[in-house]
C-alpha atoms as a PDB file:
ATOM      1  CA  MET A   1      21.563 -12.010  36.796  1.00  0.00           C
ATOM      2  CA  GLN A   2      19.009 -13.640  34.604  1.00  0.00           C
ATOM      3  CA  ASN A   3      18.477 -11.947  31.194  1.00  0.00           C
ATOM      4  CA  ILE A   4      14.794 -11.044  31.087  1.00  0.00           C
ATOM      5  CA  PHE A   5      14.922 -11.193  27.160  1.00  0.00           C
ATOM      6  CA  GLU A   6      15.571 -15.005  27.365  1.00  0.00           C
ATOM      7  CA  ASN A   7      11.986 -15.479  28.301  1.00  0.00           C
ATOM      8  CA  PRO A   8      10.013 -17.179  25.666  1.00  0.00           C
ATOM      9  CA  ALA A   9       7.747 -14.121  25.617  1.00  0.00           C
ATOM     10  CA  PHE A  10      10.436 -12.417  23.535  1.00  0.00           C
ATOM     11  CA  SER A  11      11.133 -15.242  21.202  1.00  0.00           C
ATOM     12  CA  MET A  12      11.018 -14.611  17.470  1.00  0.00           C
ATOM     13  CA  SER A  13       7.575 -16.220  17.119  1.00  0.00           C
ATOM     14  CA  ALA A  14       6.097 -14.189  20.108  1.00  0.00           C
ATOM     15  CA  LEU A  15       7.565 -10.918  18.852  1.00  0.00           C
ATOM     16  CA  THR A  16       6.385 -11.514  15.328  1.00  0.00           C
ATOM     17  CA  ALA A  17       2.834 -12.262  16.525  1.00  0.00           C
ATOM     18  CA  ALA A  18       2.968  -9.236  18.638  1.00  0.00           C
ATOM     19  CA  ILE A  19       3.964  -6.840  15.833  1.00  0.00           C
ATOM     20  CA  ASN A  20       1.441  -8.142  13.534  1.00  0.00           C
ATOM     21  CA  LEU A  21      -1.365  -7.489  16.186  1.00  0.00           C
ATOM     22  CA  LEU A  22      -0.360  -3.806  16.873  1.00  0.00           C
ATOM     23  CA  PRO A  23      -2.511  -1.233  15.334  1.00  0.00           C
ATOM     24  CA  ASN A  24      -1.830  -0.129  11.960  1.00  0.00           C
ATOM     25  CA  ASN A  25      -1.859   3.781  11.653  1.00  0.00           C
ATOM     26  CA  TYR A  26      -1.307   4.185   8.027  1.00  0.00           C
ATOM     27  CA  ASP A  27      -3.632   1.964   6.136  1.00  0.00           C
ATOM     28  CA  ARG A  28      -6.113   3.786   3.925  1.00  0.00           C
ATOM     29  CA  LEU A  29      -5.761   1.386   1.072  1.00  0.00           C
ATOM     30  CA  GLY A  30      -5.717  -1.409   3.464  1.00  0.00           C
ATOM     31  CA  ALA A  31      -8.898  -0.328   5.038  1.00  0.00           C
ATOM     32  CA  MET A  32     -10.477  -0.296   1.535  1.00  0.00           C
ATOM     33  CA  GLY A  33      -9.518  -3.986   1.145  1.00  0.00           C
ATOM     34  CA  LEU A  34      -8.225  -3.132  -2.440  1.00  0.00           C
ATOM     35  CA  PHE A  35      -4.808  -5.003  -2.225  1.00  0.00           C
ATOM     36  CA  VAL A  36      -5.441  -8.529  -1.316  1.00  0.00           C
ATOM     37  CA  ASP A  37      -2.746 -10.178   0.811  1.00  0.00           C
ATOM     38  CA  LYS A  38      -1.054 -13.084  -0.923  1.00  0.00           C
ATOM     39  CA  PRO A  39       1.636 -14.557   1.239  1.00  0.00           C
ATOM     40  CA  GLN A  40       4.417 -16.527  -0.679  1.00  0.00           C
ATOM     41  CA  ARG A  41       7.104 -19.188   0.266  1.00  0.00           C
ATOM     42  CA  PHE A  42       9.762 -17.701  -1.994  1.00  0.00           C
ATOM     43  CA  ARG A  43      11.292 -14.249  -2.792  1.00  0.00           C
ATOM     44  CA  SER A  44       9.857 -13.716  -6.158  1.00  0.00           C
ATOM     45  CA  VAL A  45       6.536 -13.997  -7.995  1.00  0.00           C
ATOM     46  CA  ILE A  46       5.904 -14.811 -11.689  1.00  0.00           C
ATOM     47  CA  VAL A  47       2.884 -13.227 -13.405  1.00  0.00           C
ATOM     48  CA  GLU A  48       1.655 -14.660 -16.671  1.00  0.00           C
ATOM     49  CA  GLU A  49      -0.335 -12.634 -19.190  1.00  0.00           C
ATOM     50  CA  GLN A  50      -2.259 -14.570 -21.651  1.00  0.00           C
ATOM     51  CA  ASN A  51      -4.536 -12.986 -24.247  1.00  0.00           C
ATOM     52  CA  GLY A  52      -4.661  -9.929 -22.022  1.00  0.00           C
ATOM     53  CA  VAL A  53      -5.654 -11.886 -18.921  1.00  0.00           C
ATOM     54  CA  LEU A  54      -3.151 -12.246 -16.157  1.00  0.00           C
ATOM     55  CA  THR A  55      -2.802 -15.225 -13.900  1.00  0.00           C
ATOM     56  CA  LEU A  56      -0.361 -16.012 -11.105  1.00  0.00           C
ATOM     57  CA  LEU A  57       2.130 -19.051 -11.505  1.00  0.00           C
ATOM     58  CA  PRO A  58       3.567 -20.438  -8.419  1.00  0.00           C
ATOM     59  CA  THR A  59       7.366 -20.513  -7.922  1.00  0.00           C
ATOM     60  CA  MET A  60       8.503 -24.091  -7.881  1.00  0.00           C
ATOM     61  CA  PRO A  61      11.801 -25.772  -6.392  1.00  0.00           C
ATOM     62  CA  PRO A  62      14.291 -26.743  -8.922  1.00  0.00           C
ATOM     63  CA  GLY A  63      13.533 -30.032 -10.560  1.00  0.00           C
ATOM     64  CA  SER A  64       9.778 -29.673 -10.054  1.00  0.00           C
ATOM     65  CA  PRO A  65       7.385 -30.110 -12.944  1.00  0.00           C
ATOM     66  CA  GLY A  66       6.030 -26.877 -14.443  1.00  0.00           C
ATOM     67  CA  THR A  67       2.487 -25.715 -14.548  1.00  0.00           C
ATOM     68  CA  VAL A  68       0.716 -26.618 -17.762  1.00  0.00           C
ATOM     69  CA  GLY A  69      -0.621 -23.679 -19.741  1.00  0.00           C
ATOM     70  CA  VAL A  70      -3.259 -23.442 -22.462  1.00  0.00           C
ATOM     71  CA  ARG A  71      -2.576 -22.286 -25.938  1.00  0.00           C
ATOM     72  CA  GLY A  72      -2.623 -18.665 -26.680  1.00  0.00           C
ATOM     73  CA  LYS A  73      -0.461 -15.647 -26.636  1.00  0.00           C
ATOM     74  CA  ARG A  74       1.478 -15.765 -23.352  1.00  0.00           C
ATOM     75  CA  LYS A  75       3.940 -13.417 -21.607  1.00  0.00           C
ATOM     76  CA  VAL A  76       5.513 -14.299 -18.325  1.00  0.00           C
ATOM     77  CA  ARG A  77       7.036 -11.662 -15.988  1.00  0.00           C
ATOM     78  CA  SER A  78       9.070 -12.249 -12.827  1.00  0.00           C
ATOM     79  CA  PHE A  79       9.120  -9.716  -9.936  1.00  0.00           C
ATOM     80  CA  THR A  80      11.510  -9.939  -6.918  1.00  0.00           C
ATOM     81  CA  ILE A  81       9.883  -9.050  -3.709  1.00  0.00           C
ATOM     82  CA  PRO A  82      11.630  -6.140  -1.906  1.00  0.00           C
ATOM     83  CA  HIS A  83      13.318  -6.682   1.377  1.00  0.00           C
ATOM     84  CA  ILE A  84      12.870  -3.874   3.870  1.00  0.00           C
ATOM     85  CA  PRO A  85      14.767  -4.376   7.238  1.00  0.00           C
ATOM     86  CA  HIS A  86      14.661  -1.920  10.178  1.00  0.00           C
ATOM     87  CA  ASP A  87      16.713  -1.979  13.521  1.00  0.00           C
ATOM     88  CA  ASP A  88      16.336  -0.445  16.758  1.00  0.00           C
ATOM     89  CA  VAL A  89      17.864  -0.917  20.319  1.00  0.00           C
ATOM     90  CA  ILE A  90      16.544  -1.160  23.783  1.00  0.00           C
ATOM     91  CA  LEU A  91      19.196   0.338  26.187  1.00  0.00           C
ATOM     92  CA  PRO A  92      19.750  -0.712  29.659  1.00  0.00           C
ATOM     93  CA  GLU A  93      18.514   2.610  31.171  1.00  0.00           C
ATOM     94  CA  GLU A  94      15.106   1.887  29.616  1.00  0.00           C
ATOM     95  CA  VAL A  95      14.655  -1.083  31.975  1.00  0.00           C
ATOM     96  CA  GLN A  96      16.711   0.370  34.654  1.00  0.00           C
ATOM     97  CA  GLY A  97      15.073  -0.413  38.174  1.00  0.00           C
ATOM     98  CA  ILE A  98      12.528  -2.924  36.981  1.00  0.00           C
ATOM     99  CA  ARG A  99      14.812  -5.933  36.914  1.00  0.00           C
ATOM    100  CA  ALA A 100      13.227  -7.804  39.904  1.00  0.00           C
ATOM    101  CA  PHE A 101      14.308 -11.458  39.461  1.00  0.00           C
ATOM    102  CA  GLY A 102      11.312 -13.782  39.156  1.00  0.00           C
ATOM    103  CA  SER A 103       8.778 -10.984  39.265  1.00  0.00           C
ATOM    104  CA  GLU A 104       5.892 -11.027  36.878  1.00  0.00           C
ATOM    105  CA  THR A 105       5.667  -7.292  37.095  1.00  0.00           C
ATOM    106  CA  GLU A 106       9.152  -7.060  35.697  1.00  0.00           C
ATOM    107  CA  LEU A 107       8.099  -9.125  32.651  1.00  0.00           C
ATOM    108  CA  GLN A 108       5.016  -6.991  32.075  1.00  0.00           C
ATOM    109  CA  THR A 109       6.930  -3.808  32.380  1.00  0.00           C
ATOM    110  CA  VAL A 110       9.765  -4.824  30.004  1.00  0.00           C
ATOM    111  CA  ALA A 111       7.074  -6.165  27.598  1.00  0.00           C
ATOM    112  CA  GLY A 112       5.687  -2.738  27.724  1.00  0.00           C
ATOM    113  CA  VAL A 113       9.000  -1.141  26.706  1.00  0.00           C
ATOM    114  CA  MET A 114       9.225  -3.678  23.910  1.00  0.00           C
ATOM    115  CA  ALA A 115       5.768  -2.965  22.748  1.00  0.00           C
ATOM    116  CA  GLN A 116       6.542   0.693  22.560  1.00  0.00           C
ATOM    117  CA  HIS A 117       9.527   0.076  20.296  1.00  0.00           C
ATOM    118  CA  LEU A 118       7.633  -2.443  18.206  1.00  0.00           C
ATOM    119  CA  GLN A 119       4.726   0.024  17.685  1.00  0.00           C
ATOM    120  CA  THR A 120       7.174   2.671  16.524  1.00  0.00           C
ATOM    121  CA  MET A 121       8.790   0.233  14.235  1.00  0.00           C
ATOM    122  CA  ARG A 122       5.444  -0.892  12.921  1.00  0.00           C
ATOM    123  CA  ASN A 123       4.328   2.527  12.077  1.00  0.00           C
ATOM    124  CA  LYS A 124       7.451   2.960   9.908  1.00  0.00           C
ATOM    125  CA  HIS A 125       6.855  -0.169   8.085  1.00  0.00           C
ATOM    126  CA  ALA A 126       3.043   0.670   7.738  1.00  0.00           C
ATOM    127  CA  ILE A 127       3.822   4.179   5.977  1.00  0.00           C
ATOM    128  CA  THR A 128       6.404   2.400   3.786  1.00  0.00           C
ATOM    129  CA  LEU A 129       3.873  -0.104   2.681  1.00  0.00           C
ATOM    130  CA  GLU A 130       1.254   2.595   2.085  1.00  0.00           C
ATOM    131  CA  HIS A 131       3.841   4.427  -0.113  1.00  0.00           C
ATOM    132  CA  LEU A 132       4.628   1.239  -2.023  1.00  0.00           C
ATOM    133  CA  ARG A 133       0.729   0.472  -2.509  1.00  0.00           C
ATOM    134  CA  PHE A 134       0.177   4.096  -3.705  1.00  0.00           C
ATOM    135  CA  GLY A 135       3.061   3.647  -6.172  1.00  0.00           C
ATOM    136  CA  ALA A 136       1.399   0.568  -7.493  1.00  0.00           C
ATOM    137  CA  LEU A 137      -2.044   2.493  -7.741  1.00  0.00           C
ATOM    138  CA  LYS A 138      -0.193   5.037  -9.855  1.00  0.00           C
ATOM    139  CA  GLY A 139       1.629   2.612 -11.967  1.00  0.00           C
ATOM    140  CA  GLN A 140       5.218   3.246 -10.572  1.00  0.00           C
ATOM    141  CA  ILE A 141       6.439   1.781  -7.500  1.00  0.00           C
ATOM    142  CA  LEU A 142       9.008   3.896  -5.832  1.00  0.00           C
ATOM    143  CA  ASP A 143      11.684   3.265  -3.189  1.00  0.00           C
ATOM    144  CA  ALA A 144      12.135   5.453  -0.204  1.00  0.00           C
ATOM    145  CA  ASP A 145      14.711   7.649  -2.089  1.00  0.00           C
ATOM    146  CA  GLY A 146      12.323   8.215  -5.096  1.00  0.00           C
ATOM    147  CA  SER A 147      14.033   5.732  -7.272  1.00  0.00           C
ATOM    148  CA  VAL A 148      11.919   3.397  -9.327  1.00  0.00           C
ATOM    149  CA  ILE A 149      11.488  -0.236  -8.119  1.00  0.00           C
ATOM    150  CA  TYR A 150       9.220  -1.197 -10.906  1.00  0.00           C
ATOM    151  CA  ASP A 151       7.445   0.727 -13.556  1.00  0.00           C
ATOM    152  CA  LEU A 152       4.437  -1.304 -14.217  1.00  0.00           C
ATOM    153  CA  TYR A 153       3.573   0.284 -17.580  1.00  0.00           C
ATOM    154  CA  ASN A 154       6.953  -0.519 -18.821  1.00  0.00           C
ATOM    155  CA  GLU A 155       6.851  -4.042 -17.289  1.00  0.00           C
ATOM    156  CA  PHE A 156       3.432  -4.664 -19.021  1.00  0.00           C
ATOM    157  CA  GLU A 157       4.238  -2.669 -22.161  1.00  0.00           C
ATOM    158  CA  ILE A 158       1.234  -0.357 -21.601  1.00  0.00           C
ATOM    159  CA  THR A 159       0.944   3.389 -22.455  1.00  0.00           C
ATOM    160  CA  PRO A 160      -0.296   5.365 -19.332  1.00  0.00           C
ATOM    161  CA  LYS A 161      -3.562   7.033 -19.771  1.00  0.00           C
ATOM    162  CA  THR A 162      -4.221  10.584 -18.683  1.00  0.00           C
ATOM    163  CA  PHE A 163      -7.454  12.693 -18.697  1.00  0.00           C
ATOM    164  CA  THR A 164      -7.432  16.436 -18.220  1.00  0.00           C
ATOM    165  CA  PHE A 165     -10.212  17.927 -16.277  1.00  0.00           C
ATOM    166  CA  ASP A 166     -10.295  21.691 -17.303  1.00  0.00           C
ATOM    167  CA  ILE A 167     -11.862  22.660 -13.870  1.00  0.00           C
ATOM    168  CA  ALA A 168      -9.575  25.575 -12.822  1.00  0.00           C
ATOM    169  CA  ASP A 169     -12.056  28.239 -13.953  1.00  0.00           C
ATOM    170  CA  PRO A 170     -15.372  27.254 -12.276  1.00  0.00           C
ATOM    171  CA  GLY A 171     -17.472  29.020 -14.988  1.00  0.00           C
ATOM    172  CA  ASN A 172     -15.848  28.008 -18.200  1.00  0.00           C
ATOM    173  CA  GLY A 173     -18.613  25.533 -19.216  1.00  0.00           C
ATOM    174  CA  PHE A 174     -16.376  22.457 -19.127  1.00  0.00           C
ATOM    175  CA  ASP A 175     -18.498  19.305 -19.239  1.00  0.00           C
ATOM    176  CA  VAL A 176     -17.453  17.534 -16.012  1.00  0.00           C
ATOM    177  CA  LYS A 177     -20.011  14.769 -16.323  1.00  0.00           C
ATOM    178  CA  LYS A 178     -18.855  13.853 -19.907  1.00  0.00           C
ATOM    179  CA  ALA A 179     -15.307  13.864 -18.595  1.00  0.00           C
ATOM    180  CA  CYS A 180     -16.223  11.351 -15.865  1.00  0.00           C
ATOM    181  CA  LEU A 181     -18.066   9.246 -18.225  1.00  0.00           C
ATOM    182  CA  ASP A 182     -15.171   9.139 -20.640  1.00  0.00           C
ATOM    183  CA  VAL A 183     -12.913   7.782 -17.761  1.00  0.00           C
ATOM    184  CA  ILE A 184     -15.566   5.209 -16.815  1.00  0.00           C
ATOM    185  CA  ARG A 185     -15.798   4.061 -20.369  1.00  0.00           C
ATOM    186  CA  TYR A 186     -12.107   3.716 -20.850  1.00  0.00           C
ATOM    187  CA  VAL A 187     -11.755   1.521 -17.696  1.00  0.00           C
ATOM    188  CA  GLU A 188     -14.729  -0.578 -18.842  1.00  0.00           C
ATOM    189  CA  ASP A 189     -13.123  -1.039 -22.261  1.00  0.00           C
ATOM    190  CA  ASN A 190      -9.886  -2.407 -20.564  1.00  0.00           C
ATOM    191  CA  LEU A 191     -11.524  -4.552 -18.078  1.00  0.00           C
ATOM    192  CA  GLN A 192     -11.198  -7.655 -20.531  1.00  0.00           C
ATOM    193  CA  GLY A 193     -12.891 -10.156 -18.563  1.00  0.00           C
ATOM    194  CA  GLU A 194     -12.353  -8.456 -15.191  1.00  0.00           C
ATOM    195  CA  ARG A 195     -15.238  -6.903 -13.173  1.00  0.00           C
ATOM    196  CA  MET A 196     -15.644  -3.844 -11.210  1.00  0.00           C
ATOM    197  CA  THR A 197     -18.396  -2.329  -8.821  1.00  0.00           C
ATOM    198  CA  GLY A 198     -17.394   1.321  -9.261  1.00  0.00           C
ATOM    199  CA  LEU A 199     -14.607   3.766  -9.774  1.00  0.00           C
ATOM    200  CA  HIS A 200     -12.811   5.442  -7.055  1.00  0.00           C
ATOM    201  CA  ALA A 201     -10.272   8.506  -7.378  1.00  0.00           C
ATOM    202  CA  PHE A 202      -7.808   9.875  -4.871  1.00  0.00           C
ATOM    203  CA  VAL A 203      -7.325  13.507  -5.642  1.00  0.00           C
ATOM    204  CA  GLY A 204      -5.308  16.322  -4.252  1.00  0.00           C
ATOM    205  CA  GLU A 205      -6.865  19.341  -2.435  1.00  0.00           C
ATOM    206  CA  ASP A 206      -6.435  21.766  -5.354  1.00  0.00           C
ATOM    207  CA  PHE A 207      -8.223  19.292  -7.708  1.00  0.00           C
ATOM    208  CA  PHE A 208     -10.959  18.549  -5.065  1.00  0.00           C
ATOM    209  CA  ASP A 209     -11.642  22.212  -4.408  1.00  0.00           C
ATOM    210  CA  ALA A 210     -11.828  22.999  -8.221  1.00  0.00           C
ATOM    211  CA  LEU A 211     -14.145  19.988  -8.852  1.00  0.00           C
ATOM    212  CA  THR A 212     -16.657  20.788  -5.993  1.00  0.00           C
ATOM    213  CA  GLY A 213     -16.596  24.506  -6.828  1.00  0.00           C
ATOM    214  CA  HIS A 214     -17.265  24.050 -10.579  1.00  0.00           C
ATOM    215  CA  ASP A 215     -20.551  25.591 -11.635  1.00  0.00           C
ATOM    216  CA  GLU A 216     -21.742  22.202 -13.143  1.00  0.00           C
ATOM    217  CA  VAL A 217     -21.167  20.266  -9.996  1.00  0.00           C
ATOM    218  CA  LYS A 218     -22.642  22.918  -7.723  1.00  0.00           C
ATOM    219  CA  ALA A 219     -25.727  23.025  -9.839  1.00  0.00           C
ATOM    220  CA  ALA A 220     -26.078  19.252  -9.651  1.00  0.00           C
ATOM    221  CA  TYR A 221     -26.067  19.222  -6.037  1.00  0.00           C
ATOM    222  CA  ASP A 222     -27.940  22.500  -5.394  1.00  0.00           C
ATOM    223  CA  ARG A 223     -31.303  20.839  -4.519  1.00  0.00           C
ATOM    224  CA  TRP A 224     -30.174  17.554  -3.453  1.00  0.00           C
ATOM    225  CA  GLN A 225     -30.941  17.171   0.261  1.00  0.00           C
ATOM    226  CA  ASP A 226     -31.266  21.024   0.249  1.00  0.00           C
ATOM    227  CA  GLY A 227     -27.843  21.596  -0.859  1.00  0.00           C
ATOM    228  CA  GLN A 228     -26.121  19.516   2.041  1.00  0.00           C
ATOM    229  CA  ALA A 229     -23.194  18.421  -0.271  1.00  0.00           C
ATOM    230  CA  LEU A 230     -22.417  22.122  -0.821  1.00  0.00           C
ATOM    231  CA  ARG A 231     -22.360  22.997   2.918  1.00  0.00           C
ATOM    232  CA  THR A 232     -20.610  20.032   4.529  1.00  0.00           C
ATOM    233  CA  ASP A 233     -17.118  18.602   4.280  1.00  0.00           C
ATOM    234  CA  MET A 234     -17.300  15.954   1.496  1.00  0.00           C
ATOM    235  CA  ARG A 235     -13.606  15.262   1.292  1.00  0.00           C
ATOM    236  CA  ALA A 236     -13.962  11.732   2.544  1.00  0.00           C
ATOM    237  CA  GLY A 237     -15.994  10.717  -0.537  1.00  0.00           C
ATOM    238  CA  PHE A 238     -17.889  12.950  -3.100  1.00  0.00           C
ATOM    239  CA  THR A 239     -19.632  10.926  -5.843  1.00  0.00           C
ATOM    240  CA  PHE A 240     -20.291  12.576  -9.234  1.00  0.00           C
ATOM    241  CA  ALA A 241     -21.217  10.959 -12.449  1.00  0.00           C
ATOM    242  CA  GLY A 242     -20.290   7.572 -11.245  1.00  0.00           C
ATOM    243  CA  ILE A 243     -16.858   8.404  -9.766  1.00  0.00           C
ATOM    244  CA  THR A 244     -16.194   8.841  -6.034  1.00  0.00           C
ATOM    245  CA  PHE A 245     -13.675  11.565  -5.537  1.00  0.00           C
ATOM    246  CA  GLU A 246     -11.759  11.452  -2.242  1.00  0.00           C
ATOM    247  CA  GLU A 247      -9.224  14.021  -1.030  1.00  0.00           C
ATOM    248  CA  HIS A 248      -6.008  12.462  -0.041  1.00  0.00           C
ATOM    249  CA  ARG A 249      -3.363  14.610   1.725  1.00  0.00           C
ATOM    250  CA  GLY A 250      -1.136  11.603   2.772  1.00  0.00           C
ATOM    251  CA  ARG A 251       2.624  12.209   2.830  1.00  0.00           C
ATOM    252  CA  ALA A 252       5.732  10.582   4.156  1.00  0.00           C
ATOM    253  CA  VAL A 253       9.161  11.770   5.167  1.00  0.00           C
ATOM    254  CA  ALA A 254      11.790  10.342   2.842  1.00  0.00           C
ATOM    255  CA  PRO A 255      15.518   9.959   3.545  1.00  0.00           C
ATOM    256  CA  GLY A 256      17.057  13.460   3.993  1.00  0.00           C
ATOM    257  CA  ASN A 257      13.833  14.806   5.453  1.00  0.00           C
ATOM    258  CA  ALA A 258      12.384  15.187   2.022  1.00  0.00           C
ATOM    259  CA  VAL A 259       8.513  15.131   2.298  1.00  0.00           C
ATOM    260  CA  ARG A 260       6.962  12.958  -0.442  1.00  0.00           C
ATOM    261  CA  ARG A 261       3.267  13.485  -1.321  1.00  0.00           C
ATOM    262  CA  PHE A 262       1.161  10.322  -2.215  1.00  0.00           C
ATOM    263  CA  ILE A 263      -1.101  12.539  -4.401  1.00  0.00           C
ATOM    264  CA  GLU A 264       0.028  15.899  -5.962  1.00  0.00           C
ATOM    265  CA  PRO A 265      -2.388  18.769  -5.100  1.00  0.00           C
ATOM    266  CA  ASP A 266      -3.618  19.374  -8.663  1.00  0.00           C
ATOM    267  CA  GLU A 267      -3.748  15.622  -9.647  1.00  0.00           C
ATOM    268  CA  GLY A 268      -5.869  12.587  -9.194  1.00  0.00           C
ATOM    269  CA  HIS A 269      -5.647   8.786  -9.753  1.00  0.00           C
ATOM    270  CA  ALA A 270      -8.677   6.735 -10.528  1.00  0.00           C
ATOM    271  CA  PHE A 271      -8.951   2.863 -10.159  1.00  0.00           C
ATOM    272  CA  PRO A 272     -11.741   0.312 -10.199  1.00  0.00           C
ATOM    273  CA  LEU A 273     -13.218  -1.241  -7.090  1.00  0.00           C
ATOM    274  CA  GLY A 274     -14.513  -4.761  -6.548  1.00  0.00           C
ATOM    275  CA  THR A 275     -12.213  -6.439  -9.018  1.00  0.00           C
ATOM    276  CA  MET A 276     -11.409 -10.071  -8.794  1.00  0.00           C
ATOM    277  CA  ASP A 277      -7.542 -10.052  -9.289  1.00  0.00           C
ATOM    278  CA  THR A 278      -6.297  -6.706 -10.228  1.00  0.00           C
ATOM    279  CA  PHE A 279      -4.614  -5.667  -7.082  1.00  0.00           C
ATOM    280  CA  ALA A 280      -2.537  -7.725  -4.720  1.00  0.00           C
ATOM    281  CA  THR A 281       0.270  -7.486  -2.103  1.00  0.00           C
ATOM    282  CA  TYR A 282       2.824 -10.342  -2.155  1.00  0.00           C
ATOM    283  CA  TYR A 283       4.850 -11.114   0.970  1.00  0.00           C
ATOM    284  CA  ALA A 284       8.048 -13.119   1.013  1.00  0.00           C
ATOM    285  CA  PRO A 285       9.188 -14.933   4.200  1.00  0.00           C
ATOM    286  CA  ALA A 286      11.947 -13.334   6.425  1.00  0.00           C
ATOM    287  CA  ASP A 287      15.567 -14.310   5.902  1.00  0.00           C
ATOM    288  CA  PHE A 288      15.826 -16.266   9.109  1.00  0.00           C
ATOM    289  CA  ASN A 289      16.790 -19.845   9.370  1.00  0.00           C
ATOM    290  CA  GLU A 290      13.409 -20.659  11.014  1.00  0.00           C
ATOM    291  CA  THR A 291      11.325 -18.995   8.302  1.00  0.00           C
ATOM    292  CA  ALA A 292      12.954 -20.492   5.114  1.00  0.00           C
ATOM    293  CA  ASN A 293      10.309 -22.003   2.884  1.00  0.00           C
ATOM    294  CA  THR A 294       7.510 -21.057   5.221  1.00  0.00           C
ATOM    295  CA  VAL A 295       4.397 -19.091   4.356  1.00  0.00           C
ATOM    296  CA  ALA A 296       5.265 -15.383   4.719  1.00  0.00           C
ATOM    297  CA  LEU A 297       3.857 -13.075   7.356  1.00  0.00           C
ATOM    298  CA  PRO A 298       3.372  -9.272   6.818  1.00  0.00           C
ATOM    299  CA  LEU A 299       5.985  -8.353   9.520  1.00  0.00           C
ATOM    300  CA  TYR A 300       8.732 -10.064  11.410  1.00  0.00           C
ATOM    301  CA  ALA A 301      10.441  -9.229  14.649  1.00  0.00           C
ATOM    302  CA  LYS A 302      13.441 -10.636  16.548  1.00  0.00           C
ATOM    303  CA  GLN A 303      15.688  -9.662  19.403  1.00  0.00           C
ATOM    304  CA  GLU A 304      19.298 -10.529  20.629  1.00  0.00           C
ATOM    305  CA  PRO A 305      21.524  -9.241  23.324  1.00  0.00           C
ATOM    306  CA  ARG A 306      24.185  -6.658  22.462  1.00  0.00           C
ATOM    307  CA  LYS A 307      27.922  -7.403  23.054  1.00  0.00           C
ATOM    308  CA  PHE A 308      28.761  -7.384  26.712  1.00  0.00           C
ATOM    309  CA  ASP A 309      24.894  -7.148  27.472  1.00  0.00           C
ATOM    310  CA  ARG A 310      24.960  -3.477  26.804  1.00  0.00           C
ATOM    311  CA  GLY A 311      21.328  -3.393  25.631  1.00  0.00           C
ATOM    312  CA  THR A 312      19.223  -5.490  23.177  1.00  0.00           C
ATOM    313  CA  ASP A 313      19.192  -5.143  19.424  1.00  0.00           C
ATOM    314  CA  LEU A 314      15.679  -5.333  17.916  1.00  0.00           C
ATOM    315  CA  HIS A 315      15.339  -6.216  14.396  1.00  0.00           C
ATOM    316  CA  THR A 316      12.122  -6.035  12.218  1.00  0.00           C
ATOM    317  CA  GLN A 317      11.590  -6.631   8.565  1.00  0.00           C
ATOM    318  CA  SER A 318       8.851  -6.772   5.979  1.00  0.00           C
ATOM    319  CA  ASN A 319       9.074  -8.126   2.506  1.00  0.00           C
ATOM    320  CA  PRO A 320       6.083  -6.764   0.537  1.00  0.00           C
ATOM    321  CA  LEU A 321       5.431  -6.164  -3.250  1.00  0.00           C
ATOM    322  CA  PRO A 322       2.090  -4.462  -4.022  1.00  0.00           C
ATOM    323  CA  LEU A 323       1.119  -5.016  -7.600  1.00  0.00           C
ATOM    324  CA  CYS A 324      -1.449  -3.852 -10.170  1.00  0.00           C
ATOM    325  CA  HIS A 325      -1.896  -6.874 -12.628  1.00  0.00           C
ATOM    326  CA  ARG A 326      -3.746  -4.647 -15.005  1.00  0.00           C
ATOM    327  CA  PRO A 327      -2.012  -1.165 -15.285  1.00  0.00           C
ATOM    328  CA  ALA A 328      -4.316  -0.395 -18.212  1.00  0.00           C
ATOM    329  CA  LEU A 329      -7.123   0.106 -15.562  1.00  0.00           C
ATOM    330  CA  LEU A 330      -5.190   3.008 -13.834  1.00  0.00           C
ATOM    331  CA  VAL A 331      -6.173   6.476 -14.899  1.00  0.00           C
ATOM    332  CA  LYS A 332      -4.218   9.619 -14.125  1.00  0.00           C
ATOM    333  CA  LEU A 333      -6.431  12.791 -13.777  1.00  0.00           C
ATOM    334  CA  VAL A 334      -4.842  16.258 -14.290  1.00  0.00           C
ATOM    335  CA  MET A 335      -6.365  19.618 -13.493  1.00  0.00           C
ATOM    336  CA  GLY A 336      -6.354  21.835 -16.575  1.00  0.00           C
ATOM    337  CA  GLY A 337      -6.945  25.499 -17.153  1.00  0.00           C
ATOM    338  CA  VAL A 338      -4.488  26.613 -14.446  1.00  0.00           C
END
């Protein structure tokens, strides 16, 4: 009997194209366009810092002439791109009863089974990438088990900056506007030739509730559009004193069924928008023979028959490294007065 998976529709290139076209269900940062995709041909990237300005250097084959730098204080750092494989299996009973030789319906139905598996696997890769990106946004890229892959503050020898918002007591007279302006001024001072169009902050639910319930904030929006901001759900974006605060309740299940929150309930993380080269996601090619030295894709998929044709093994992998080239622009917000 002919193996349906030998059809070109299930080749590595076809499956890779398919998994990259499937909907991405966990992509808040991707939807913002914050992290620019930068596919690579090799498994590491080199970042050069020169007089406080970071530029990307290409990785070259051995024996190639090096890029020419200009004079000034330079620091070069190398980052290895993580490898994230994920496997699944399509068992014979999943395609039982639809193996009609030469039938297009058979191909379409088996392709549907394959698409279901690919969608599930893509969702896992997507939430993993979102977790890595939020780590880069907070200055510490974490693995699934919570271990540190890269501490960007240590890598770039920068001291993390934290601002305390004393907003737990809504009527304590804390100057929220002054605190927001202090955050903006700090980021502006550390742009060093970079640009931004605004400041965004992902905050936890406790922080958001305390902020929007503070007397100063409520007074500011009391008469704006007849108090609409105080009556409606503004969690998707609430702008005050130049900072857009967005409640983020994203979380992921880590190994051992531990739930890891992207943003803690009483914290926030502010970052600039509209920058030229502050955030990027680097991709390395898959470790297949046919993908060596090729420009990387976000995801790869491949299948092969199991021993004795007892099913089909399905392999996917991604090789992403989200980076913030300027960790000095990242600000942690802490709710005080609790």
